[in-house]
C-alpha cells in the first residue's frame, strides 16, 4: 500500500467532502500519522471510512468524523482542552497541535497505556493521558476552554458542561440508536449553555455514562 496516496485519498475523498474545509485541520491530517495510532493488526484500516477496533472492545471513530468534530470544536492555540476517551491517542494528538495543552481521560488501563505510548512516540509533549473515569470530567484542572467527547453518550452530563469557561465549547455525539447527532454546547456568561446540532451519525459508546431506562415487556 502506498501510505501517502492512501492518506491523500482519505483527505480528499472522505474528509473534505464531509464539509471539513478548515485548512488547519486538513493540514494536520496530512502530517499527523494516523497509521501510528492504529493497532498493528488493523493497520490496513488506518485510512478506511470505518471505526477501527482497539483493545478491550473499543473503537477509533472514522477519519471523517474525527476531522469534522475537530473542526467544529474550533480550538485556538492559547486554549486548554479536556478530552473524554483517549482511545489510541489520535484525537489527543490532533488537539495537541491546535491547543496550548490537552488532558485526555481514559478509563481502561490498557488504552491509557496505549495512548500514552503512541503520544510519546509522536512527540506530543503538551498532551497528558490520565487513567480516570471521564463521567465526572476533571474539575481539579478546570475550567477548560474546550472539551472533546470522543465517543457517544445518551446525554451530556451537566457536570461536564459546568467545567467549561464562559465561551467554552464542548463537542459530543449525543443520542440513542438509531438516532444520534454530533452536537456543540457553548457556555454562556450567565451560566447557561447553547446547544447546536451539527450532523447525524452512529458511534461507539463512552463507558460509564448514564443510559436511559429501557422498557421491557
N, C-alpha and C. Protein backbone atom coordinates (compact mmCIF):
# COMPACT_ATOMS: atom_id res chain seq x y z
N UNK A 1 0.84 -1.20 0.00
CA UNK A 1 0.00 0.00 0.00
C UNK A 1 0.88 1.25 0.00
N UNK A 2 0.55 2.18 -0.86
CA UNK A 2 1.22 3.48 -0.87
C UNK A 2 0.60 4.33 0.22
N UNK A 3 1.31 4.48 1.33
CA UNK A 3 0.77 5.16 2.51
C UNK A 3 0.36 6.59 2.21
N UNK A 4 1.23 7.33 1.55
CA UNK A 4 0.92 8.74 1.31
C UNK A 4 -0.24 8.91 0.34
N UNK A 5 -0.36 8.02 -0.64
CA UNK A 5 -1.51 8.09 -1.54
C UNK A 5 -2.80 7.76 -0.79
N UNK A 6 -2.72 6.77 0.11
CA UNK A 6 -3.89 6.41 0.92
C UNK A 6 -4.30 7.57 1.82
N UNK A 7 -3.33 8.27 2.39
CA UNK A 7 -3.62 9.42 3.25
C UNK A 7 -4.27 10.54 2.43
N UNK A 8 -3.72 10.79 1.24
CA UNK A 8 -4.27 11.81 0.36
C UNK A 8 -5.71 11.47 -0.02
N UNK A 9 -5.95 10.20 -0.36
CA UNK A 9 -7.31 9.78 -0.73
C UNK A 9 -8.27 9.93 0.44
N UNK A 10 -7.80 9.61 1.65
CA UNK A 10 -8.64 9.76 2.84
C UNK A 10 -9.10 11.22 2.98
N UNK A 11 -8.16 12.13 2.83
CA UNK A 11 -8.47 13.55 2.99
C UNK A 11 -9.39 14.05 1.89
N UNK A 12 -9.07 13.71 0.65
CA UNK A 12 -9.79 14.28 -0.49
C UNK A 12 -11.11 13.58 -0.79
N UNK A 13 -11.21 12.28 -0.49
CA UNK A 13 -12.41 11.53 -0.85
C UNK A 13 -13.37 11.30 0.31
N UNK A 14 -12.86 11.34 1.55
CA UNK A 14 -13.71 11.13 2.72
C UNK A 14 -13.95 12.41 3.51
N UNK A 15 -12.86 13.10 3.80
CA UNK A 15 -12.91 14.19 4.78
C UNK A 15 -13.37 15.51 4.17
N UNK A 16 -12.73 15.94 3.11
CA UNK A 16 -13.13 17.22 2.51
C UNK A 16 -14.59 17.20 2.05
N UNK A 17 -15.09 16.11 1.42
CA UNK A 17 -16.50 16.11 1.02
C UNK A 17 -17.48 16.16 2.19
N UNK A 18 -16.99 15.93 3.40
CA UNK A 18 -17.86 15.99 4.58
C UNK A 18 -17.82 17.37 5.22
N UNK A 19 -17.61 18.38 4.40
CA UNK A 19 -17.62 19.79 4.82
C UNK A 19 -16.51 20.12 5.80
N UNK A 20 -15.41 19.39 5.74
CA UNK A 20 -14.22 19.77 6.51
C UNK A 20 -13.34 20.61 5.58
N UNK A 21 -13.42 21.92 5.76
CA UNK A 21 -12.75 22.85 4.86
C UNK A 21 -11.70 23.71 5.56
N UNK A 22 -11.57 23.53 6.87
CA UNK A 22 -10.57 24.27 7.65
C UNK A 22 -9.18 23.80 7.20
N UNK A 23 -8.41 24.72 6.65
CA UNK A 23 -7.09 24.35 6.12
C UNK A 23 -6.16 23.84 7.21
N UNK A 24 -6.33 24.36 8.41
CA UNK A 24 -5.50 23.89 9.52
C UNK A 24 -5.78 22.44 9.86
N UNK A 25 -7.06 22.06 9.87
CA UNK A 25 -7.44 20.68 10.15
C UNK A 25 -6.97 19.76 9.04
N UNK A 26 -7.19 20.15 7.80
CA UNK A 26 -6.76 19.33 6.66
C UNK A 26 -5.25 19.17 6.65
N UNK A 27 -4.53 20.23 6.99
CA UNK A 27 -3.07 20.16 7.03
C UNK A 27 -2.59 19.21 8.12
N UNK A 28 -3.27 19.22 9.28
CA UNK A 28 -2.90 18.32 10.37
C UNK A 28 -3.06 16.86 9.96
N UNK A 29 -4.16 16.57 9.29
CA UNK A 29 -4.43 15.20 8.88
C UNK A 29 -3.42 14.70 7.86
N UNK A 30 -2.77 15.64 7.19
CA UNK A 30 -1.74 15.26 6.22
C UNK A 30 -0.41 14.95 6.90
N UNK A 31 -0.19 15.47 8.12
CA UNK A 31 1.13 15.30 8.75
C UNK A 31 1.11 14.44 10.02
N UNK A 32 -0.04 14.37 10.72
CA UNK A 32 -0.13 13.50 11.90
C UNK A 32 -0.44 12.10 11.41
N UNK A 33 0.45 11.17 11.67
CA UNK A 33 0.40 9.84 11.07
C UNK A 33 -0.65 8.96 11.76
N UNK A 34 -1.84 8.93 11.18
CA UNK A 34 -2.93 8.16 11.78
C UNK A 34 -2.57 6.68 11.92
N UNK A 35 -1.80 6.17 10.96
CA UNK A 35 -1.43 4.75 10.99
C UNK A 35 -0.61 4.39 12.23
N UNK A 36 0.08 5.36 12.82
CA UNK A 36 0.87 5.10 14.02
C UNK A 36 0.00 4.95 15.26
N UNK A 37 -1.27 5.30 15.16
CA UNK A 37 -2.20 5.20 16.29
C UNK A 37 -3.18 4.05 16.13
N UNK A 38 -3.01 3.28 15.06
CA UNK A 38 -3.88 2.12 14.79
C UNK A 38 -3.15 0.85 15.20
N UNK A 39 -3.80 -0.06 15.94
CA UNK A 39 -3.13 -1.31 16.30
C UNK A 39 -2.60 -2.04 15.06
N UNK A 40 -1.45 -2.69 15.21
CA UNK A 40 -0.78 -3.32 14.08
C UNK A 40 -1.70 -4.29 13.33
N UNK A 41 -2.54 -5.01 14.05
CA UNK A 41 -3.42 -6.00 13.42
C UNK A 41 -4.45 -5.37 12.49
N UNK A 42 -4.69 -4.08 12.67
CA UNK A 42 -5.70 -3.39 11.86
C UNK A 42 -5.10 -2.23 11.06
N UNK A 43 -3.81 -2.25 10.85
CA UNK A 43 -3.13 -1.15 10.16
C UNK A 43 -3.71 -0.89 8.77
N UNK A 44 -4.21 -1.93 8.12
CA UNK A 44 -4.77 -1.77 6.78
C UNK A 44 -6.04 -0.92 6.79
N UNK A 45 -6.65 -0.74 7.98
CA UNK A 45 -7.87 0.06 8.09
C UNK A 45 -7.59 1.52 8.46
N UNK A 46 -6.34 1.90 8.55
CA UNK A 46 -5.98 3.23 9.07
C UNK A 46 -6.65 4.36 8.29
N UNK A 47 -6.83 4.18 6.98
CA UNK A 47 -7.37 5.26 6.16
C UNK A 47 -8.74 4.94 5.58
N UNK A 48 -9.38 3.90 6.12
CA UNK A 48 -10.68 3.46 5.63
C UNK A 48 -11.80 4.18 6.39
N UNK A 49 -12.90 4.44 5.71
CA UNK A 49 -14.04 5.14 6.31
C UNK A 49 -14.85 4.19 7.19
N UNK A 50 -14.28 3.83 8.33
CA UNK A 50 -14.94 2.92 9.26
C UNK A 50 -14.34 3.10 10.65
N UNK A 51 -15.05 2.62 11.68
CA UNK A 51 -14.46 2.56 13.01
C UNK A 51 -13.39 1.47 13.01
N UNK A 52 -12.26 1.74 13.69
CA UNK A 52 -11.15 0.79 13.75
C UNK A 52 -11.12 0.16 15.14
N UNK A 53 -11.10 -1.18 15.22
CA UNK A 53 -11.09 -1.85 16.53
C UNK A 53 -9.84 -1.52 17.34
N UNK A 54 -10.06 -1.29 18.64
CA UNK A 54 -8.99 -1.06 19.60
C UNK A 54 -9.08 -2.16 20.67
N UNK A 55 -8.07 -2.29 21.52
CA UNK A 55 -8.15 -3.27 22.60
C UNK A 55 -9.36 -3.05 23.51
N UNK A 56 -9.77 -4.10 24.18
CA UNK A 56 -10.84 -4.08 25.18
C UNK A 56 -12.19 -3.67 24.58
N UNK A 57 -12.39 -3.99 23.29
CA UNK A 57 -13.70 -3.78 22.69
C UNK A 57 -14.03 -2.36 22.29
N UNK A 58 -13.07 -1.46 22.33
CA UNK A 58 -13.31 -0.07 21.95
C UNK A 58 -12.98 0.15 20.47
N UNK A 59 -13.28 1.35 19.96
CA UNK A 59 -13.05 1.66 18.55
C UNK A 59 -12.59 3.09 18.37
N UNK A 60 -11.79 3.32 17.32
CA UNK A 60 -11.49 4.67 16.85
C UNK A 60 -12.64 5.12 15.97
N UNK A 61 -13.02 6.38 16.06
CA UNK A 61 -14.03 6.93 15.18
C UNK A 61 -13.50 6.97 13.74
N UNK A 62 -14.37 6.94 12.74
CA UNK A 62 -13.92 7.07 11.35
C UNK A 62 -13.19 8.40 11.13
N UNK A 63 -12.25 8.45 10.19
CA UNK A 63 -11.47 9.67 9.97
C UNK A 63 -12.32 10.91 9.71
N UNK A 64 -13.37 10.78 8.91
CA UNK A 64 -14.19 11.95 8.58
C UNK A 64 -14.90 12.50 9.81
N UNK A 65 -15.28 11.61 10.74
CA UNK A 65 -15.96 12.05 11.96
C UNK A 65 -14.97 12.76 12.87
N UNK A 66 -13.77 12.19 13.03
CA UNK A 66 -12.74 12.83 13.84
C UNK A 66 -12.44 14.23 13.31
N UNK A 67 -12.29 14.33 11.99
CA UNK A 67 -11.94 15.61 11.38
C UNK A 67 -13.05 16.64 11.56
N UNK A 68 -14.27 16.22 11.37
CA UNK A 68 -15.40 17.15 11.49
C UNK A 68 -15.56 17.62 12.93
N UNK A 69 -15.42 16.71 13.90
CA UNK A 69 -15.54 17.10 15.30
C UNK A 69 -14.41 18.05 15.69
N UNK A 70 -13.20 17.78 15.19
CA UNK A 70 -12.07 18.67 15.48
C UNK A 70 -12.34 20.06 14.91
N UNK A 71 -12.83 20.11 13.69
CA UNK A 71 -13.15 21.41 13.08
C UNK A 71 -14.22 22.14 13.88
N UNK A 72 -15.26 21.42 14.30
CA UNK A 72 -16.39 22.07 14.98
C UNK A 72 -16.08 22.49 16.41
N UNK A 73 -15.04 21.93 17.01
CA UNK A 73 -14.64 22.35 18.36
C UNK A 73 -13.94 23.71 18.34
N UNK A 74 -13.34 24.07 17.21
CA UNK A 74 -12.77 25.41 17.00
C UNK A 74 -11.71 25.77 18.05
N UNK A 75 -10.79 24.85 18.27
CA UNK A 75 -9.75 25.06 19.28
C UNK A 75 -8.75 26.11 18.81
N UNK A 76 -8.36 26.98 19.74
CA UNK A 76 -7.37 28.02 19.47
C UNK A 76 -6.06 27.71 20.21
N UNK A 77 -4.98 28.30 19.73
CA UNK A 77 -3.65 27.94 20.21
C UNK A 77 -3.44 28.22 21.70
N UNK A 78 -4.15 29.19 22.26
CA UNK A 78 -3.95 29.57 23.67
C UNK A 78 -4.83 28.77 24.63
N UNK A 79 -5.60 27.81 24.12
CA UNK A 79 -6.65 27.19 24.93
C UNK A 79 -6.21 25.88 25.58
N UNK A 80 -6.86 25.58 26.71
CA UNK A 80 -6.66 24.32 27.43
C UNK A 80 -7.85 23.41 27.13
N UNK A 81 -7.55 22.16 26.79
CA UNK A 81 -8.58 21.25 26.30
C UNK A 81 -8.62 19.99 27.16
N UNK A 82 -9.83 19.49 27.41
CA UNK A 82 -10.04 18.20 28.05
C UNK A 82 -10.67 17.26 27.03
N UNK A 83 -10.12 16.05 26.91
CA UNK A 83 -10.74 15.02 26.08
C UNK A 83 -11.26 13.90 26.97
N UNK A 84 -12.46 13.40 26.67
CA UNK A 84 -13.03 12.25 27.36
C UNK A 84 -12.94 11.06 26.42
N UNK A 85 -12.13 10.07 26.78
CA UNK A 85 -11.97 8.89 25.94
C UNK A 85 -10.75 8.97 25.06
N UNK A 86 -9.58 8.63 25.60
CA UNK A 86 -8.33 8.77 24.85
C UNK A 86 -8.23 7.78 23.70
N UNK A 87 -8.78 6.57 23.89
CA UNK A 87 -8.65 5.56 22.84
C UNK A 87 -7.19 5.28 22.54
N UNK A 88 -6.82 5.42 21.28
CA UNK A 88 -5.42 5.20 20.87
C UNK A 88 -4.57 6.44 20.99
N UNK A 89 -5.18 7.59 21.29
CA UNK A 89 -4.44 8.84 21.43
C UNK A 89 -4.45 9.72 20.19
N UNK A 90 -5.09 9.28 19.11
CA UNK A 90 -5.01 10.05 17.87
C UNK A 90 -5.71 11.40 17.98
N UNK A 91 -6.93 11.43 18.50
CA UNK A 91 -7.61 12.72 18.64
C UNK A 91 -6.84 13.64 19.58
N UNK A 92 -6.28 13.09 20.65
CA UNK A 92 -5.49 13.91 21.57
C UNK A 92 -4.28 14.51 20.86
N UNK A 93 -3.67 13.73 19.95
CA UNK A 93 -2.53 14.25 19.19
C UNK A 93 -2.96 15.41 18.29
N UNK A 94 -4.10 15.26 17.62
CA UNK A 94 -4.62 16.34 16.78
C UNK A 94 -4.91 17.58 17.62
N UNK A 95 -5.58 17.38 18.75
CA UNK A 95 -5.89 18.51 19.63
C UNK A 95 -4.62 19.20 20.12
N UNK A 96 -3.60 18.39 20.41
CA UNK A 96 -2.35 18.94 20.91
C UNK A 96 -1.69 19.89 19.94
N UNK A 97 -1.88 19.67 18.65
CA UNK A 97 -1.31 20.55 17.64
C UNK A 97 -2.04 21.89 17.57
N UNK A 98 -3.27 21.93 18.07
CA UNK A 98 -4.07 23.15 17.95
C UNK A 98 -4.21 23.91 19.27
N UNK A 99 -3.93 23.25 20.40
CA UNK A 99 -4.18 23.83 21.72
C UNK A 99 -2.88 24.13 22.45
N UNK A 100 -3.01 24.86 23.55
CA UNK A 100 -1.86 25.07 24.43
C UNK A 100 -1.53 23.79 25.18
N UNK A 101 -2.57 23.11 25.69
CA UNK A 101 -2.36 21.85 26.42
C UNK A 101 -3.63 21.01 26.36
N UNK A 102 -3.44 19.69 26.50
CA UNK A 102 -4.55 18.75 26.42
C UNK A 102 -4.40 17.73 27.54
N UNK A 103 -5.49 17.49 28.25
CA UNK A 103 -5.58 16.37 29.19
C UNK A 103 -6.60 15.39 28.62
N UNK A 104 -6.22 14.13 28.46
CA UNK A 104 -7.11 13.13 27.90
C UNK A 104 -7.38 12.06 28.95
N UNK A 105 -8.65 11.84 29.27
CA UNK A 105 -9.04 10.86 30.28
C UNK A 105 -9.41 9.54 29.61
N UNK A 106 -8.92 8.44 30.16
CA UNK A 106 -9.23 7.11 29.62
C UNK A 106 -9.45 6.16 30.78
N UNK A 107 -10.62 5.54 30.84
CA UNK A 107 -10.97 4.69 31.97
C UNK A 107 -10.29 3.32 31.91
N UNK A 108 -10.01 2.81 30.72
CA UNK A 108 -9.44 1.47 30.58
C UNK A 108 -7.92 1.51 30.63
N UNK A 109 -7.31 0.79 31.57
CA UNK A 109 -5.85 0.85 31.74
C UNK A 109 -5.07 0.52 30.47
N UNK A 110 -5.49 -0.50 29.73
CA UNK A 110 -4.75 -0.89 28.53
C UNK A 110 -4.77 0.22 27.49
N UNK A 111 -5.89 0.91 27.37
CA UNK A 111 -5.98 2.00 26.40
C UNK A 111 -5.22 3.24 26.88
N UNK A 112 -5.27 3.51 28.18
CA UNK A 112 -4.49 4.63 28.71
C UNK A 112 -3.01 4.43 28.44
N UNK A 113 -2.54 3.19 28.61
CA UNK A 113 -1.14 2.88 28.32
C UNK A 113 -0.84 3.01 26.85
N UNK A 114 -1.73 2.48 25.99
CA UNK A 114 -1.54 2.56 24.54
C UNK A 114 -1.48 4.01 24.08
N UNK A 115 -2.43 4.82 24.53
CA UNK A 115 -2.46 6.23 24.13
C UNK A 115 -1.22 6.96 24.58
N UNK A 116 -0.79 6.69 25.82
CA UNK A 116 0.42 7.35 26.34
C UNK A 116 1.63 7.01 25.50
N UNK A 117 1.78 5.75 25.14
CA UNK A 117 2.93 5.33 24.34
C UNK A 117 2.87 5.91 22.94
N UNK A 118 1.70 5.90 22.33
CA UNK A 118 1.55 6.47 20.99
C UNK A 118 1.86 7.96 20.97
N UNK A 119 1.37 8.66 21.97
CA UNK A 119 1.61 10.11 22.03
C UNK A 119 3.07 10.42 22.30
N UNK A 120 3.70 9.62 23.13
CA UNK A 120 5.13 9.84 23.39
C UNK A 120 5.94 9.67 22.11
N UNK A 121 5.64 8.60 21.35
CA UNK A 121 6.36 8.37 20.09
C UNK A 121 6.11 9.48 19.07
N UNK A 122 4.93 10.07 19.14
CA UNK A 122 4.60 11.13 18.17
C UNK A 122 5.17 12.48 18.56
N UNK A 123 5.72 12.58 19.77
CA UNK A 123 6.32 13.84 20.22
C UNK A 123 5.32 14.86 20.74
N UNK A 124 4.15 14.40 21.17
CA UNK A 124 3.11 15.31 21.66
C UNK A 124 3.39 15.70 23.11
N UNK A 125 4.29 16.64 23.30
CA UNK A 125 4.76 16.99 24.64
C UNK A 125 3.73 17.74 25.47
N UNK A 126 2.73 18.34 24.84
CA UNK A 126 1.74 19.14 25.58
C UNK A 126 0.45 18.36 25.84
N UNK A 127 0.51 17.03 25.66
CA UNK A 127 -0.66 16.17 25.89
C UNK A 127 -0.35 15.19 27.01
N UNK A 128 -1.26 15.06 27.97
CA UNK A 128 -1.09 14.07 29.03
C UNK A 128 -2.33 13.19 29.10
N UNK A 129 -2.12 11.89 29.33
CA UNK A 129 -3.21 10.93 29.46
C UNK A 129 -3.35 10.57 30.93
N UNK A 130 -4.55 10.63 31.44
CA UNK A 130 -4.84 10.29 32.83
C UNK A 130 -5.81 9.12 32.84
N UNK A 131 -5.44 8.05 33.54
CA UNK A 131 -6.36 6.93 33.68
C UNK A 131 -7.43 7.31 34.70
N UNK A 132 -8.62 7.59 34.20
CA UNK A 132 -9.70 8.05 35.08
C UNK A 132 -11.02 7.89 34.35
N UNK A 133 -12.08 7.81 35.12
CA UNK A 133 -13.44 7.77 34.58
C UNK A 133 -13.83 9.17 34.14
N UNK A 134 -14.14 9.34 32.86
CA UNK A 134 -14.43 10.67 32.34
C UNK A 134 -15.83 11.17 32.63
N UNK A 135 -16.66 10.35 33.27
CA UNK A 135 -18.05 10.74 33.52
C UNK A 135 -18.12 12.05 34.30
N UNK A 136 -17.20 12.24 35.24
CA UNK A 136 -17.23 13.44 36.08
C UNK A 136 -16.26 14.51 35.59
N UNK A 137 -15.63 14.29 34.44
CA UNK A 137 -14.69 15.28 33.93
C UNK A 137 -13.43 15.31 34.78
N UNK A 138 -12.85 16.51 34.88
CA UNK A 138 -11.59 16.67 35.63
C UNK A 138 -11.57 18.06 36.25
N UNK A 139 -12.50 18.26 37.16
CA UNK A 139 -12.72 19.60 37.74
C UNK A 139 -11.47 20.16 38.40
N UNK A 140 -10.61 19.28 38.92
CA UNK A 140 -9.41 19.75 39.61
C UNK A 140 -8.50 20.56 38.71
N UNK A 141 -8.56 20.31 37.41
CA UNK A 141 -7.72 21.03 36.45
C UNK A 141 -8.52 22.04 35.63
N UNK A 142 -9.82 22.14 35.88
CA UNK A 142 -10.67 23.04 35.11
C UNK A 142 -10.66 24.45 35.66
N UNK A 143 -11.45 25.34 35.07
CA UNK A 143 -12.29 25.09 33.91
C UNK A 143 -11.49 25.05 32.61
N UNK A 144 -12.12 24.51 31.56
CA UNK A 144 -11.46 24.32 30.27
C UNK A 144 -12.07 25.21 29.20
N UNK A 145 -11.26 25.52 28.23
CA UNK A 145 -11.75 26.29 27.08
C UNK A 145 -12.55 25.41 26.12
N UNK A 146 -12.21 24.12 26.09
CA UNK A 146 -12.90 23.21 25.18
C UNK A 146 -12.84 21.79 25.74
N UNK A 147 -13.90 21.03 25.48
CA UNK A 147 -13.98 19.63 25.88
C UNK A 147 -14.40 18.81 24.67
N UNK A 148 -13.66 17.76 24.38
CA UNK A 148 -13.98 16.84 23.29
C UNK A 148 -14.39 15.50 23.90
N UNK A 149 -15.56 15.00 23.53
CA UNK A 149 -16.00 13.69 23.97
C UNK A 149 -15.87 12.75 22.78
N UNK A 150 -14.86 11.88 22.81
CA UNK A 150 -14.52 11.05 21.65
C UNK A 150 -15.28 9.73 21.66
N UNK A 151 -16.59 9.84 21.59
CA UNK A 151 -17.49 8.71 21.60
C UNK A 151 -18.89 9.22 21.88
N UNK A 152 -19.86 8.32 21.93
CA UNK A 152 -21.24 8.77 22.09
C UNK A 152 -21.75 8.58 23.52
N UNK A 153 -22.72 9.42 23.88
CA UNK A 153 -23.42 9.33 25.16
C UNK A 153 -24.89 9.59 24.91
N UNK A 154 -25.74 9.09 25.80
CA UNK A 154 -27.17 9.36 25.65
C UNK A 154 -27.44 10.85 25.83
N UNK A 155 -26.79 11.44 26.82
CA UNK A 155 -26.96 12.87 27.12
C UNK A 155 -25.70 13.38 27.79
N UNK A 156 -25.22 14.54 27.39
CA UNK A 156 -24.04 15.12 28.01
C UNK A 156 -24.38 15.55 29.43
N UNK A 157 -23.64 15.06 30.43
CA UNK A 157 -23.94 15.43 31.82
C UNK A 157 -23.68 16.92 32.08
N UNK A 158 -24.54 17.52 32.87
CA UNK A 158 -24.37 18.93 33.23
C UNK A 158 -23.06 19.14 33.98
N UNK A 159 -22.61 18.11 34.70
CA UNK A 159 -21.35 18.20 35.44
C UNK A 159 -20.18 18.53 34.53
N UNK A 160 -20.19 18.00 33.30
CA UNK A 160 -19.13 18.32 32.34
C UNK A 160 -19.29 19.73 31.80
N UNK A 161 -20.51 20.12 31.51
CA UNK A 161 -20.75 21.46 30.97
C UNK A 161 -20.30 22.54 31.95
N UNK A 162 -20.43 22.25 33.25
CA UNK A 162 -20.03 23.22 34.27
C UNK A 162 -18.52 23.41 34.33
N UNK A 163 -17.76 22.53 33.67
CA UNK A 163 -16.30 22.65 33.66
C UNK A 163 -15.79 23.45 32.46
N UNK A 164 -16.71 24.09 31.73
CA UNK A 164 -16.34 24.98 30.64
C UNK A 164 -16.21 26.42 31.14
N UNK A 165 -15.24 27.14 30.63
CA UNK A 165 -15.16 28.57 30.86
C UNK A 165 -16.28 29.26 30.08
N UNK A 166 -16.67 30.48 30.46
CA UNK A 166 -17.61 31.23 29.61
C UNK A 166 -17.05 31.34 28.19
N UNK A 167 -17.86 31.00 27.23
CA UNK A 167 -17.40 30.98 25.84
C UNK A 167 -16.78 29.65 25.43
N UNK A 168 -16.60 28.74 26.40
CA UNK A 168 -16.01 27.44 26.11
C UNK A 168 -16.97 26.55 25.35
N UNK A 169 -16.42 25.58 24.60
CA UNK A 169 -17.23 24.69 23.78
C UNK A 169 -17.02 23.24 24.18
N UNK A 170 -18.07 22.46 24.04
CA UNK A 170 -17.99 21.01 24.21
C UNK A 170 -18.63 20.36 22.99
N UNK A 171 -17.90 19.43 22.37
CA UNK A 171 -18.44 18.69 21.23
C UNK A 171 -18.56 17.23 21.64
N UNK A 172 -19.72 16.64 21.34
CA UNK A 172 -20.00 15.25 21.71
C UNK A 172 -20.92 14.65 20.67
N UNK A 173 -21.07 13.34 20.75
CA UNK A 173 -22.08 12.62 19.96
C UNK A 173 -23.15 12.20 20.95
N UNK A 174 -24.36 12.67 20.73
CA UNK A 174 -25.42 12.56 21.73
C UNK A 174 -26.64 11.86 21.13
N UNK A 175 -27.27 10.98 21.92
CA UNK A 175 -28.49 10.33 21.47
C UNK A 175 -28.42 8.82 21.65
N UNK A 176 -29.41 8.14 21.13
CA UNK A 176 -29.52 6.69 21.26
C UNK A 176 -29.81 6.08 19.89
N UNK A 177 -29.30 4.88 19.68
CA UNK A 177 -29.56 4.20 18.40
C UNK A 177 -31.06 4.10 18.14
N UNK A 178 -31.50 4.33 16.89
CA UNK A 178 -30.68 4.58 15.70
C UNK A 178 -30.44 6.05 15.40
N UNK A 179 -30.77 6.95 16.33
CA UNK A 179 -30.67 8.38 16.05
C UNK A 179 -29.66 9.03 17.00
N UNK A 180 -28.51 9.40 16.47
CA UNK A 180 -27.50 10.14 17.23
C UNK A 180 -27.07 11.35 16.41
N UNK A 181 -26.63 12.39 17.10
CA UNK A 181 -26.14 13.59 16.42
C UNK A 181 -24.90 14.10 17.12
N UNK A 182 -23.96 14.59 16.33
CA UNK A 182 -22.87 15.37 16.91
C UNK A 182 -23.42 16.73 17.28
N UNK A 183 -23.09 17.19 18.47
CA UNK A 183 -23.61 18.46 18.98
C UNK A 183 -22.48 19.30 19.54
N UNK A 184 -22.70 20.61 19.57
CA UNK A 184 -21.75 21.52 20.22
C UNK A 184 -22.50 22.38 21.23
N UNK A 185 -22.03 22.31 22.47
CA UNK A 185 -22.53 23.18 23.53
C UNK A 185 -21.56 24.34 23.70
N UNK A 186 -22.09 25.53 23.92
CA UNK A 186 -21.27 26.71 24.21
C UNK A 186 -21.73 27.31 25.53
N UNK A 187 -20.78 27.55 26.42
CA UNK A 187 -21.10 28.09 27.74
C UNK A 187 -21.35 29.59 27.65
N UNK A 188 -22.49 30.04 28.15
CA UNK A 188 -22.83 31.46 28.16
C UNK A 188 -22.36 32.10 29.46
N UNK A 189 -22.23 33.41 29.46
CA UNK A 189 -21.72 34.13 30.62
C UNK A 189 -22.66 34.02 31.82
N UNK A 190 -23.95 33.75 31.57
CA UNK A 190 -24.92 33.69 32.68
C UNK A 190 -25.05 32.29 33.28
N UNK A 191 -24.16 31.36 32.89
CA UNK A 191 -24.19 30.03 33.46
C UNK A 191 -25.08 29.05 32.72
N UNK A 192 -25.67 29.46 31.61
CA UNK A 192 -26.45 28.55 30.77
C UNK A 192 -25.58 28.09 29.60
N UNK A 193 -26.17 27.20 28.78
CA UNK A 193 -25.43 26.68 27.62
C UNK A 193 -26.31 26.71 26.39
N UNK A 194 -25.71 27.04 25.27
CA UNK A 194 -26.39 26.96 23.98
C UNK A 194 -26.00 25.65 23.31
N UNK A 195 -26.94 25.01 22.63
CA UNK A 195 -26.71 23.71 22.00
C UNK A 195 -27.04 23.80 20.52
N UNK A 196 -26.12 23.32 19.69
CA UNK A 196 -26.32 23.28 18.23
C UNK A 196 -26.09 21.86 17.75
N UNK A 197 -27.02 21.34 16.94
CA UNK A 197 -26.84 20.03 16.32
C UNK A 197 -26.02 20.21 15.06
N UNK A 198 -24.99 19.37 14.89
CA UNK A 198 -24.03 19.55 13.81
C UNK A 198 -24.26 18.59 12.64
N UNK A 199 -24.35 17.29 12.93
CA UNK A 199 -24.58 16.30 11.88
C UNK A 199 -25.01 14.99 12.54
N UNK A 200 -25.64 14.12 11.76
CA UNK A 200 -26.13 12.85 12.26
C UNK A 200 -25.13 11.73 11.99
N UNK A 201 -25.05 10.77 12.92
CA UNK A 201 -24.15 9.63 12.78
C UNK A 201 -24.48 8.61 13.85
N UNK A 202 -23.78 7.48 13.81
CA UNK A 202 -23.86 6.46 14.85
C UNK A 202 -22.44 6.22 15.33
N UNK A 203 -22.23 6.01 16.63
CA UNK A 203 -20.87 5.86 17.14
C UNK A 203 -20.86 5.03 18.41
N UNK A 204 -19.70 4.42 18.68
CA UNK A 204 -19.48 3.60 19.87
C UNK A 204 -19.67 4.43 21.14
N UNK A 205 -20.24 3.81 22.17
CA UNK A 205 -20.50 4.47 23.44
C UNK A 205 -19.21 4.72 24.23
N UNK A 206 -19.17 5.84 24.94
CA UNK A 206 -18.20 6.05 26.01
C UNK A 206 -18.70 5.30 27.23
N UNK A 207 -17.80 4.66 27.96
CA UNK A 207 -18.19 3.83 29.09
C UNK A 207 -18.55 4.65 30.31
N UNK A 208 -19.51 4.13 31.08
CA UNK A 208 -19.80 4.69 32.40
C UNK A 208 -20.84 5.78 32.43
N UNK A 209 -21.24 6.31 31.27
CA UNK A 209 -22.22 7.39 31.26
C UNK A 209 -23.64 6.82 31.40
N UNK A 210 -24.54 7.55 32.04
CA UNK A 210 -25.90 7.05 32.26
C UNK A 210 -26.62 6.72 30.96
N UNK A 211 -27.37 5.64 30.97
CA UNK A 211 -28.19 5.24 29.84
C UNK A 211 -29.66 5.40 30.20
N UNK A 212 -30.51 5.69 29.21
CA UNK A 212 -31.94 5.82 29.50
C UNK A 212 -32.53 4.48 29.92
N UNK A 213 -33.57 4.53 30.72
CA UNK A 213 -34.25 3.32 31.13
C UNK A 213 -34.88 2.65 29.92
N UNK A 214 -34.75 1.33 29.84
CA UNK A 214 -35.31 0.58 28.72
C UNK A 214 -36.64 -0.05 29.15
N UNK A 215 -37.62 0.03 28.24
CA UNK A 215 -38.93 -0.60 28.54
C UNK A 215 -38.86 -2.08 28.20
N UNK A 216 -39.30 -2.91 29.11
CA UNK A 216 -39.33 -4.36 28.88
C UNK A 216 -40.75 -4.87 29.01
N UNK A 217 -41.15 -5.75 28.10
CA UNK A 217 -42.47 -6.38 28.19
C UNK A 217 -42.47 -7.43 29.29
